[in-house]
C-alpha atoms as a PDB file:
ATOM      1  CA  UNK A   1      -8.255   0.278 -34.453  1.00  0.00           C
ATOM      2  CA  UNK A   2     -11.035   1.486 -32.148  1.00  0.00           C
ATOM      3  CA  UNK A   3     -14.249  -0.377 -31.465  1.00  0.00           C
ATOM      4  CA  UNK A   4     -17.059   1.371 -33.333  1.00  0.00           C
ATOM      5  CA  UNK A   5     -20.674   1.164 -32.197  1.00  0.00           C
ATOM      6  CA  UNK A   6     -23.353   2.253 -34.676  1.00  0.00           C
ATOM      7  CA  UNK A   7     -26.542   3.593 -33.111  1.00  0.00           C
ATOM      8  CA  UNK A   8     -29.442   4.190 -35.482  1.00  0.00           C
ATOM      9  CA  UNK A   9     -31.569   7.070 -34.250  1.00  0.00           C
ATOM     10  CA  UNK A  10     -34.635   7.275 -36.491  1.00  0.00           C
ATOM     11  CA  UNK A  11     -37.243   9.985 -36.712  1.00  0.00           C
ATOM     12  CA  UNK A  12     -38.158  13.214 -38.545  1.00  0.00           C
ATOM     13  CA  UNK A  13     -35.849  12.604 -41.477  1.00  0.00           C
ATOM     14  CA  UNK A  14     -32.816  12.360 -39.124  1.00  0.00           C
ATOM     15  CA  UNK A  15     -33.677  15.610 -37.301  1.00  0.00           C
ATOM     16  CA  UNK A  16     -33.882  13.778 -33.979  1.00  0.00           C
ATOM     17  CA  UNK A  17     -30.338  12.486 -34.476  1.00  0.00           C
ATOM     18  CA  UNK A  18     -29.016  15.933 -35.423  1.00  0.00           C
ATOM     19  CA  UNK A  19     -30.591  17.568 -32.379  1.00  0.00           C
ATOM     20  CA  UNK A  20     -29.258  14.811 -30.134  1.00  0.00           C
ATOM     21  CA  UNK A  21     -25.654  15.172 -31.275  1.00  0.00           C
ATOM     22  CA  UNK A  22     -25.852  18.939 -30.897  1.00  0.00           C
ATOM     23  CA  UNK A  23     -27.497  19.024 -27.470  1.00  0.00           C
ATOM     24  CA  UNK A  24     -26.700  15.732 -25.744  1.00  0.00           C
ATOM     25  CA  UNK A  25     -23.600  14.019 -27.167  1.00  0.00           C
ATOM     26  CA  UNK A  26     -20.342  14.737 -25.339  1.00  0.00           C
ATOM     27  CA  UNK A  27     -17.830  16.836 -27.317  1.00  0.00           C
ATOM     28  CA  UNK A  28     -15.003  14.412 -26.569  1.00  0.00           C
ATOM     29  CA  UNK A  29     -14.312  13.314 -30.142  1.00  0.00           C
ATOM     30  CA  UNK A  30     -15.783   9.868 -29.515  1.00  0.00           C
ATOM     31  CA  UNK A  31     -19.265  10.499 -30.957  1.00  0.00           C
ATOM     32  CA  UNK A  32     -19.709  11.242 -34.638  1.00  0.00           C
ATOM     33  CA  UNK A  33     -23.020  11.861 -36.393  1.00  0.00           C
ATOM     34  CA  UNK A  34     -24.284  11.282 -39.919  1.00  0.00           C
ATOM     35  CA  UNK A  35     -27.610  12.909 -40.748  1.00  0.00           C
ATOM     36  CA  UNK A  36     -29.312  14.514 -43.752  1.00  0.00           C
ATOM     37  CA  UNK A  37     -27.536  17.700 -44.798  1.00  0.00           C
ATOM     38  CA  UNK A  38     -30.788  19.191 -46.033  1.00  0.00           C
ATOM     39  CA  UNK A  39     -31.548  19.982 -42.400  1.00  0.00           C
ATOM     40  CA  UNK A  40     -28.964  22.763 -42.634  1.00  0.00           C
ATOM     41  CA  UNK A  41     -31.069  24.472 -45.297  1.00  0.00           C
ATOM     42  CA  UNK A  42     -34.077  23.988 -43.035  1.00  0.00           C
ATOM     43  CA  UNK A  43     -32.283  25.933 -40.311  1.00  0.00           C
ATOM     44  CA  UNK A  44     -31.477  28.753 -42.738  1.00  0.00           C
ATOM     45  CA  UNK A  45     -35.169  28.908 -43.612  1.00  0.00           C
ATOM     46  CA  UNK A  46     -36.355  28.839 -40.006  1.00  0.00           C
ATOM     47  CA  UNK A  47     -37.748  25.318 -40.152  1.00  0.00           C
ATOM     48  CA  UNK A  48     -39.608  23.889 -37.173  1.00  0.00           C
ATOM     49  CA  UNK A  49     -37.982  21.488 -34.745  1.00  0.00           C
ATOM     50  CA  UNK A  50     -34.426  22.655 -35.421  1.00  0.00           C
ATOM     51  CA  UNK A  51     -32.584  22.758 -32.108  1.00  0.00           C
ATOM     52  CA  UNK A  52     -29.056  23.106 -33.488  1.00  0.00           C
ATOM     53  CA  UNK A  53     -26.888  25.759 -35.101  1.00  0.00           C
ATOM     54  CA  UNK A  54     -25.178  24.252 -38.149  1.00  0.00           C
ATOM     55  CA  UNK A  55     -22.455  26.883 -37.958  1.00  0.00           C
ATOM     56  CA  UNK A  56     -21.306  25.466 -34.605  1.00  0.00           C
ATOM     57  CA  UNK A  57     -21.006  21.784 -35.554  1.00  0.00           C
ATOM     58  CA  UNK A  58     -17.450  20.538 -36.134  1.00  0.00           C
ATOM     59  CA  UNK A  59     -17.792  19.232 -39.683  1.00  0.00           C
ATOM     60  CA  UNK A  60     -15.594  16.275 -40.645  1.00  0.00           C
ATOM     61  CA  UNK A  61     -16.543  15.826 -44.294  1.00  0.00           C
ATOM     62  CA  UNK A  62     -18.760  14.082 -46.821  1.00  0.00           C
ATOM     63  CA  UNK A  63     -17.774  10.763 -48.463  1.00  0.00           C
ATOM     64  CA  UNK A  64     -19.708  11.380 -51.666  1.00  0.00           C
ATOM     65  CA  UNK A  65     -21.697  14.237 -53.162  1.00  0.00           C
ATOM     66  CA  UNK A  66     -25.287  13.367 -54.010  1.00  0.00           C
ATOM     67  CA  UNK A  67     -25.909  13.477 -57.739  1.00  0.00           C
ATOM     68  CA  UNK A  68     -29.663  13.907 -57.451  1.00  0.00           C
ATOM     69  CA  UNK A  69     -31.819  12.517 -60.246  1.00  0.00           C
ATOM     70  CA  UNK A  70     -35.500  11.842 -60.741  1.00  0.00           C
ATOM     71  CA  UNK A  71     -36.311   8.233 -61.620  1.00  0.00           C
ATOM     72  CA  UNK A  72     -39.768   7.148 -62.746  1.00  0.00           C
ATOM     73  CA  UNK A  73     -41.399   3.823 -63.421  1.00  0.00           C
ATOM     74  CA  UNK A  74     -42.152   3.056 -67.062  1.00  0.00           C
ATOM     75  CA  UNK A  75     -45.709   2.213 -66.014  1.00  0.00           C
ATOM     76  CA  UNK A  76     -46.249   5.866 -65.094  1.00  0.00           C
ATOM     77  CA  UNK A  77     -46.258   6.743 -68.780  1.00  0.00           C
ATOM     78  CA  UNK A  78     -43.440   9.269 -68.318  1.00  0.00           C
ATOM     79  CA  UNK A  79     -40.257   8.207 -70.106  1.00  0.00           C
ATOM     80  CA  UNK A  80     -38.745  11.632 -70.762  1.00  0.00           C
ATOM     81  CA  UNK A  81     -38.726  15.110 -69.254  1.00  0.00           C
ATOM     82  CA  UNK A  82     -40.647  16.342 -72.310  1.00  0.00           C
ATOM     83  CA  UNK A  83     -43.465  13.915 -71.520  1.00  0.00           C
ATOM     84  CA  UNK A  84     -43.302  15.060 -67.908  1.00  0.00           C
ATOM     85  CA  UNK A  85     -43.727  18.720 -68.845  1.00  0.00           C
ATOM     86  CA  UNK A  86     -46.633  17.766 -71.109  1.00  0.00           C
ATOM     87  CA  UNK A  87     -48.434  15.639 -68.523  1.00  0.00           C
ATOM     88  CA  UNK A  88     -51.980  16.849 -67.948  1.00  0.00           C
ATOM     89  CA  UNK A  89     -52.024  15.431 -64.424  1.00  0.00           C
ATOM     90  CA  UNK A  90     -49.438  15.893 -61.637  1.00  0.00           C
ATOM     91  CA  UNK A  91     -46.855  13.133 -61.479  1.00  0.00           C
ATOM     92  CA  UNK A  92     -46.805  11.568 -57.999  1.00  0.00           C
ATOM     93  CA  UNK A  93     -43.345  11.464 -56.386  1.00  0.00           C
ATOM     94  CA  UNK A  94     -42.562   9.878 -53.033  1.00  0.00           C
ATOM     95  CA  UNK A  95     -40.872  11.740 -50.175  1.00  0.00           C
ATOM     96  CA  UNK A  96     -39.806  11.070 -46.599  1.00  0.00           C
ATOM     97  CA  UNK A  97     -39.898  14.382 -44.688  1.00  0.00           C
ATOM     98  CA  UNK A  98     -39.215  18.116 -45.087  1.00  0.00           C
ATOM     99  CA  UNK A  99     -35.479  18.738 -45.255  1.00  0.00           C
ATOM    100  CA  UNK A 100     -34.823  15.484 -47.087  1.00  0.00           C
ATOM    101  CA  UNK A 101     -33.709  15.356 -50.713  1.00  0.00           C
ATOM    102  CA  UNK A 102     -36.805  13.348 -51.604  1.00  0.00           C
ATOM    103  CA  UNK A 103     -39.077  16.193 -50.451  1.00  0.00           C
ATOM    104  CA  UNK A 104     -37.123  19.350 -51.169  1.00  0.00           C
ATOM    105  CA  UNK A 105     -35.960  18.614 -54.713  1.00  0.00           C
ATOM    106  CA  UNK A 106     -39.462  17.945 -56.121  1.00  0.00           C
ATOM    107  CA  UNK A 107     -40.746  21.120 -54.436  1.00  0.00           C
ATOM    108  CA  UNK A 108     -37.975  23.253 -55.946  1.00  0.00           C
ATOM    109  CA  UNK A 109     -38.366  21.715 -59.408  1.00  0.00           C
ATOM    110  CA  UNK A 110     -42.115  22.243 -59.359  1.00  0.00           C
ATOM    111  CA  UNK A 111     -41.730  25.897 -58.363  1.00  0.00           C
ATOM    112  CA  UNK A 112     -38.832  26.825 -60.639  1.00  0.00           C
ATOM    113  CA  UNK A 113     -39.540  24.770 -63.759  1.00  0.00           C
ATOM    114  CA  UNK A 114     -43.297  24.345 -63.602  1.00  0.00           C
ATOM    115  CA  UNK A 115     -43.094  20.564 -63.691  1.00  0.00           C
ATOM    116  CA  UNK A 116     -46.440  18.964 -62.778  1.00  0.00           C
ATOM    117  CA  UNK A 117     -45.630  17.251 -59.480  1.00  0.00           C
ATOM    118  CA  UNK A 118     -47.670  15.926 -56.579  1.00  0.00           C
ATOM    119  CA  UNK A 119     -45.417  15.141 -53.628  1.00  0.00           C
ATOM    120  CA  UNK A 120     -46.578  12.245 -51.453  1.00  0.00           C
ATOM    121  CA  UNK A 121     -44.491  12.574 -48.294  1.00  0.00           C
ATOM    122  CA  UNK A 122     -44.230  10.441 -45.165  1.00  0.00           C
ATOM    123  CA  UNK A 123     -42.505   7.291 -46.434  1.00  0.00           C
ATOM    124  CA  UNK A 124     -40.006   5.821 -43.978  1.00  0.00           C
ATOM    125  CA  UNK A 125     -37.183   5.782 -46.512  1.00  0.00           C
ATOM    126  CA  UNK A 126     -36.268   5.410 -50.170  1.00  0.00           C
ATOM    127  CA  UNK A 127     -36.802   1.648 -49.937  1.00  0.00           C
ATOM    128  CA  UNK A 128     -40.482   2.288 -49.190  1.00  0.00           C
ATOM    129  CA  UNK A 129     -40.626   4.858 -52.002  1.00  0.00           C
ATOM    130  CA  UNK A 130     -39.295   2.251 -54.442  1.00  0.00           C
ATOM    131  CA  UNK A 131     -41.827  -0.307 -53.230  1.00  0.00           C
ATOM    132  CA  UNK A 132     -44.646   2.222 -53.600  1.00  0.00           C
ATOM    133  CA  UNK A 133     -43.518   3.007 -57.136  1.00  0.00           C
ATOM    134  CA  UNK A 134     -43.212  -0.683 -58.035  1.00  0.00           C
ATOM    135  CA  UNK A 135     -46.761  -1.227 -56.810  1.00  0.00           C
ATOM    136  CA  UNK A 136     -48.094   1.703 -58.865  1.00  0.00           C
ATOM    137  CA  UNK A 137     -48.938   3.854 -55.846  1.00  0.00           C
ATOM    138  CA  UNK A 138     -46.624   6.616 -57.101  1.00  0.00           C
ATOM    139  CA  UNK A 139     -44.524   7.198 -60.223  1.00  0.00           C
ATOM    140  CA  UNK A 140     -41.087   7.420 -58.591  1.00  0.00           C
ATOM    141  CA  UNK A 141     -38.953   9.943 -56.791  1.00  0.00           C
ATOM    142  CA  UNK A 142     -35.877  12.146 -56.735  1.00  0.00           C
ATOM    143  CA  UNK A 143     -32.757  11.248 -54.771  1.00  0.00           C
ATOM    144  CA  UNK A 144     -29.106  10.295 -55.291  1.00  0.00           C
ATOM    145  CA  UNK A 145     -28.117   8.397 -58.419  1.00  0.00           C
ATOM    146  CA  UNK A 146     -25.430   6.715 -56.291  1.00  0.00           C
ATOM    147  CA  UNK A 147     -28.230   5.118 -54.270  1.00  0.00           C
ATOM    148  CA  UNK A 148     -30.735   4.515 -57.069  1.00  0.00           C
ATOM    149  CA  UNK A 149     -28.330   2.675 -59.364  1.00  0.00           C
ATOM    150  CA  UNK A 150     -27.528   0.175 -56.601  1.00  0.00           C
ATOM    151  CA  UNK A 151     -30.864  -0.270 -54.841  1.00  0.00           C
ATOM    152  CA  UNK A 152     -33.126  -0.005 -57.914  1.00  0.00           C
ATOM    153  CA  UNK A 153     -30.733  -1.871 -60.185  1.00  0.00           C
ATOM    154  CA  UNK A 154     -33.191  -4.578 -61.191  1.00  0.00           C
ATOM    155  CA  UNK A 155     -35.746  -2.047 -62.417  1.00  0.00           C
ATOM    156  CA  UNK A 156     -33.127  -0.034 -64.282  1.00  0.00           C
ATOM    157  CA  UNK A 157     -31.615  -3.086 -65.982  1.00  0.00           C
ATOM    158  CA  UNK A 158     -35.056  -4.365 -67.000  1.00  0.00           C
ATOM    159  CA  UNK A 159     -36.020  -0.967 -68.406  1.00  0.00           C
ATOM    160  CA  UNK A 160     -38.890  -0.663 -65.935  1.00  0.00           C
ATOM    161  CA  UNK A 161     -37.276   2.369 -64.279  1.00  0.00           C
ATOM    162  CA  UNK A 162     -35.790   5.317 -66.143  1.00  0.00           C
ATOM    163  CA  UNK A 163     -33.888   8.397 -65.022  1.00  0.00           C
ATOM    164  CA  UNK A 164     -35.529  11.318 -66.819  1.00  0.00           C
ATOM    165  CA  UNK A 165     -33.913  14.359 -65.154  1.00  0.00           C
ATOM    166  CA  UNK A 166     -30.696  15.289 -63.334  1.00  0.00           C
ATOM    167  CA  UNK A 167     -30.778  17.938 -60.597  1.00  0.00           C
ATOM    168  CA  UNK A 168     -27.022  18.579 -60.532  1.00  0.00           C
ATOM    169  CA  UNK A 169     -24.721  21.285 -61.994  1.00  0.00           C
ATOM    170  CA  UNK A 170     -22.995  18.968 -64.477  1.00  0.00           C
ATOM    171  CA  UNK A 171     -24.199  15.741 -66.053  1.00  0.00           C
ATOM    172  CA  UNK A 172     -23.031  12.532 -64.413  1.00  0.00           C
ATOM    173  CA  UNK A 173     -20.694  10.514 -66.626  1.00  0.00           C
ATOM    174  CA  UNK A 174     -23.090   7.560 -66.493  1.00  0.00           C
ATOM    175  CA  UNK A 175     -26.089   9.697 -67.492  1.00  0.00           C
ATOM    176  CA  UNK A 176     -24.638  11.817 -70.283  1.00  0.00           C
ATOM    177  CA  UNK A 177     -27.884  11.856 -72.298  1.00  0.00           C
ATOM    178  CA  UNK A 178     -30.186  12.725 -69.402  1.00  0.00           C
ATOM    179  CA  UNK A 179     -31.018  16.475 -69.335  1.00  0.00           C
ATOM    180  CA  UNK A 180     -30.120  18.833 -66.489  1.00  0.00           C
ATOM    181  CA  UNK A 181     -32.913  20.535 -64.583  1.00  0.00           C
ATOM    182  CA  UNK A 182     -31.132  23.892 -64.424  1.00  0.00           C
ATOM    183  CA  UNK A 183     -31.067  24.085 -68.222  1.00  0.00           C
ATOM    184  CA  UNK A 184     -34.859  24.408 -68.186  1.00  0.00           C
ATOM    185  CA  UNK A 185     -34.800  27.382 -65.789  1.00  0.00           C
ATOM    186  CA  UNK A 186     -35.920  30.540 -67.590  1.00  0.00           C
ATOM    187  CA  UNK A 187     -34.917  33.221 -65.070  1.00  0.00           C
ATOM    188  CA  UNK A 188     -31.873  34.084 -62.956  1.00  0.00           C
ATOM    189  CA  UNK A 189     -33.990  33.676 -59.835  1.00  0.00           C
ATOM    190  CA  UNK A 190     -35.009  30.163 -60.864  1.00  0.00           C
ATOM    191  CA  UNK A 191     -31.391  29.206 -61.512  1.00  0.00           C
ATOM    192  CA  UNK A 192     -30.292  30.626 -58.154  1.00  0.00           C
ATOM    193  CA  UNK A 193     -33.088  28.774 -56.345  1.00  0.00           C
ATOM    194  CA  UNK A 194     -32.016  25.513 -57.952  1.00  0.00           C
ATOM    195  CA  UNK A 195     -28.425  26.188 -56.937  1.00  0.00           C
ATOM    196  CA  UNK A 196     -29.126  26.936 -53.271  1.00  0.00           C
ATOM    197  CA  UNK A 197     -32.130  24.635 -52.945  1.00  0.00           C
ATOM    198  CA  UNK A 198     -30.765  21.601 -54.784  1.00  0.00           C
ATOM    199  CA  UNK A 199     -27.122  21.825 -55.913  1.00  0.00           C
ATOM    200  CA  UNK A 200     -25.528  23.117 -52.694  1.00  0.00           C
ATOM    201  CA  UNK A 201     -27.478  20.758 -50.399  1.00  0.00           C
ATOM    202  CA  UNK A 202     -26.566  17.889 -52.742  1.00  0.00           C
ATOM    203  CA  UNK A 203     -22.888  18.461 -52.006  1.00  0.00           C
ATOM    204  CA  UNK A 204     -23.466  18.131 -48.256  1.00  0.00           C
ATOM    205  CA  UNK A 205     -26.343  15.662 -48.076  1.00  0.00           C
ATOM    206  CA  UNK A 206     -24.310  12.954 -46.287  1.00  0.00           C
ATOM    207  CA  UNK A 207     -22.195  14.862 -43.754  1.00  0.00           C
ATOM    208  CA  UNK A 208     -20.222  13.510 -40.836  1.00  0.00           C
ATOM    209  CA  UNK A 209     -19.815  15.817 -37.867  1.00  0.00           C
ATOM    210  CA  UNK A 210     -18.646  16.030 -34.281  1.00  0.00           C
ATOM    211  CA  UNK A 211     -20.608  17.886 -31.582  1.00  0.00           C
ATOM    212  CA  UNK A 212     -19.925  21.598 -31.100  1.00  0.00           C
ATOM    213  CA  UNK A 213     -17.171  22.341 -28.613  1.00  0.00           C
ATOM    214  CA  UNK A 214     -14.989  19.376 -29.593  1.00  0.00           C
ATOM    215  CA  UNK A 215     -11.314  20.241 -29.172  1.00  0.00           C
ATOM    216  CA  UNK A 216      -9.908  21.624 -32.443  1.00  0.00           C
ATOM    217  CA  UNK A 217      -6.953  19.240 -32.248  1.00  0.00           C
ATOM    218  CA  UNK A 218      -9.315  16.250 -32.236  1.00  0.00           C
ATOM    219  CA  UNK A 219     -11.371  17.768 -35.043  1.00  0.00           C
ATOM    220  CA  UNK A 220      -8.248  18.033 -37.207  1.00  0.00           C
ATOM    221  CA  UNK A 221      -7.242  14.453 -36.370  1.00  0.00           C
ATOM    222  CA  UNK A 222     -10.674  13.185 -37.412  1.00  0.00           C
ATOM    223  CA  UNK A 223     -10.724  15.290 -40.590  1.00  0.00           C
ATOM    224  CA  UNK A 224      -7.366  13.909 -41.668  1.00  0.00           C
ATOM    225  CA  UNK A 225      -8.337  10.341 -40.798  1.00  0.00           C
ATOM    226  CA  UNK A 226     -11.603  10.713 -42.706  1.00  0.00           C
ATOM    227  CA  UNK A 227      -9.935  11.919 -45.902  1.00  0.00           C
ATOM    228  CA  UNK A 228      -7.062   9.426 -45.597  1.00  0.00           C
ATOM    229  CA  UNK A 229      -9.611   6.617 -45.357  1.00  0.00           C
ATOM    230  CA  UNK A 230     -11.386   7.754 -48.518  1.00  0.00           C
ATOM    231  CA  UNK A 231      -8.053   7.675 -50.377  1.00  0.00           C
ATOM    232  CA  UNK A 232      -6.899   4.349 -48.962  1.00  0.00           C
ATOM    233  CA  UNK A 233      -6.269   1.844 -51.772  1.00  0.00           C
ATOM    234  CA  UNK A 234      -7.985  -1.065 -50.031  1.00  0.00           C
ATOM    235  CA  UNK A 235     -10.978   1.074 -49.091  1.00  0.00           C
ATOM    236  CA  UNK A 236     -11.301   2.450 -52.641  1.00  0.00           C
ATOM    237  CA  UNK A 237     -11.066  -1.063 -54.072  1.00  0.00           C
ATOM    238  CA  UNK A 238     -13.768  -2.307 -51.705  1.00  0.00           C
ATOM    239  CA  UNK A 239     -16.021   0.617 -52.654  1.00  0.00           C
ATOM    240  CA  UNK A 240     -15.589  -0.123 -56.366  1.00  0.00           C
ATOM    241  CA  UNK A 241     -16.323  -3.803 -55.771  1.00  0.00           C
ATOM    242  CA  UNK A 242     -19.547  -2.810 -54.036  1.00  0.00           C
ATOM    243  CA  UNK A 243     -20.314  -0.342 -56.845  1.00  0.00           C
ATOM    244  CA  UNK A 244     -20.278   2.558 -54.389  1.00  0.00           C
ATOM    245  CA  UNK A 245     -18.994   5.943 -55.559  1.00  0.00           C
ATOM    246  CA  UNK A 246     -16.560   8.164 -53.687  1.00  0.00           C
ATOM    247  CA  UNK A 247     -16.485  11.911 -54.291  1.00  0.00           C
ATOM    248  CA  UNK A 248     -15.508  13.475 -50.964  1.00  0.00           C
ATOM    249  CA  UNK A 249     -15.995  16.984 -49.624  1.00  0.00           C
ATOM    250  CA  UNK A 250     -13.590  18.108 -46.896  1.00  0.00           C
ATOM    251  CA  UNK A 251     -14.698  19.587 -43.595  1.00  0.00           C
ATOM    252  CA  UNK A 252     -13.237  22.920 -44.643  1.00  0.00           C
ATOM    253  CA  UNK A 253     -15.202  22.881 -47.905  1.00  0.00           C
ATOM    254  CA  UNK A 254     -18.345  22.051 -45.954  1.00  0.00           C
ATOM    255  CA  UNK A 255     -17.807  25.049 -43.715  1.00  0.00           C
ATOM    256  CA  UNK A 256     -17.535  27.333 -46.763  1.00  0.00           C
ATOM    257  CA  UNK A 257     -20.715  25.976 -48.358  1.00  0.00           C
ATOM    258  CA  UNK A 258     -22.656  26.286 -45.104  1.00  0.00           C
ATOM    259  CA  UNK A 259     -21.353  29.807 -44.477  1.00  0.00           C
ATOM    260  CA  UNK A 260     -22.603  30.755 -47.957  1.00  0.00           C
ATOM    261  CA  UNK A 261     -26.092  29.466 -47.182  1.00  0.00           C
ATOM    262  CA  UNK A 262     -26.278  31.700 -44.123  1.00  0.00           C
ATOM    263  CA  UNK A 263     -25.284  34.730 -46.224  1.00  0.00           C
ATOM    264  CA  UNK A 264     -28.081  34.387 -48.787  1.00  0.00           C
ATOM    265  CA  UNK A 265     -30.133  37.433 -49.719  1.00  0.00           C
ATOM    266  CA  UNK A 266     -33.195  37.759 -47.469  1.00  0.00           C
ATOM    267  CA  UNK A 267     -35.569  37.913 -50.433  1.00  0.00           C
ATOM    268  CA  UNK A 268     -34.179  34.676 -51.876  1.00  0.00           C
ATOM    269  CA  UNK A 269     -34.425  32.976 -48.482  1.00  0.00           C
ATOM    270  CA  UNK A 270     -38.061  34.071 -48.208  1.00  0.00           C
ATOM    271  CA  UNK A 271     -38.796  32.695 -51.686  1.00  0.00           C
ATOM    272  CA  UNK A 272     -37.144  29.362 -50.961  1.00  0.00           C
ATOM    273  CA  UNK A 273     -38.950  29.136 -47.635  1.00  0.00           C
ATOM    274  CA  UNK A 274     -42.254  29.676 -49.408  1.00  0.00           C
ATOM    275  CA  UNK A 275     -41.402  26.899 -51.858  1.00  0.00           C
ATOM    276  CA  UNK A 276     -40.382  24.342 -49.246  1.00  0.00           C
ATOM    277  CA  UNK A 277     -43.059  25.064 -46.647  1.00  0.00           C
ATOM    278  CA  UNK A 278     -46.200  25.880 -48.606  1.00  0.00           C
END
């Protein structure tokens, strides 16, 4: 029963925190980080400001995969993906920073599906994106259903907010009638870009990691403790009570996904880089 101190390190869509844990934090097993997994894709693409090597972190696991969806306010006039495709003006979506789900998913969907999208980046977080949408500044945004259904619950229940598209491999059980983005892809390249630019990052969006160089014995202890916690009956019951989903990814699975990202074809990497940085 250790004492746990949470230190919030804001900035650059959690890039500052990731760099800190990689370069500064002691590899003694006592410091664990949680930052946006999309930064790993940014490293693969040669993104600016990356001072870490994702292949050297000691990954512990992910508590829940992100089932990314795009939710729009009813006031935007877009209540279905068909209406979105037919929109004569770009639909404004809010984002936080490059490497975040809120930024990268809209960029990939615009490039691969031809959806009319205008990304408005720079919001401090999804709470600010929701507020901007509620005020009519933007139409909505794309991020995890697990977050949206809890934090935007009032809008969803009132019918003022609607999920119009899912950016995941398989429909979520709670959104069975909402179409999948990948089903609108018309080429193999588009499908592959959605997989590596949206689906794979979604599985590792909320990673926990130890600094590189941490003793392997301590890494294994933390991995086991992490997964045991997510299976603990009391913990699971508390999560359900709070309406929080659990769909863990092990540290070993994370390593395999990340290794795959670093083995991508150079041409595909160049294409994805063009999409995310242009």
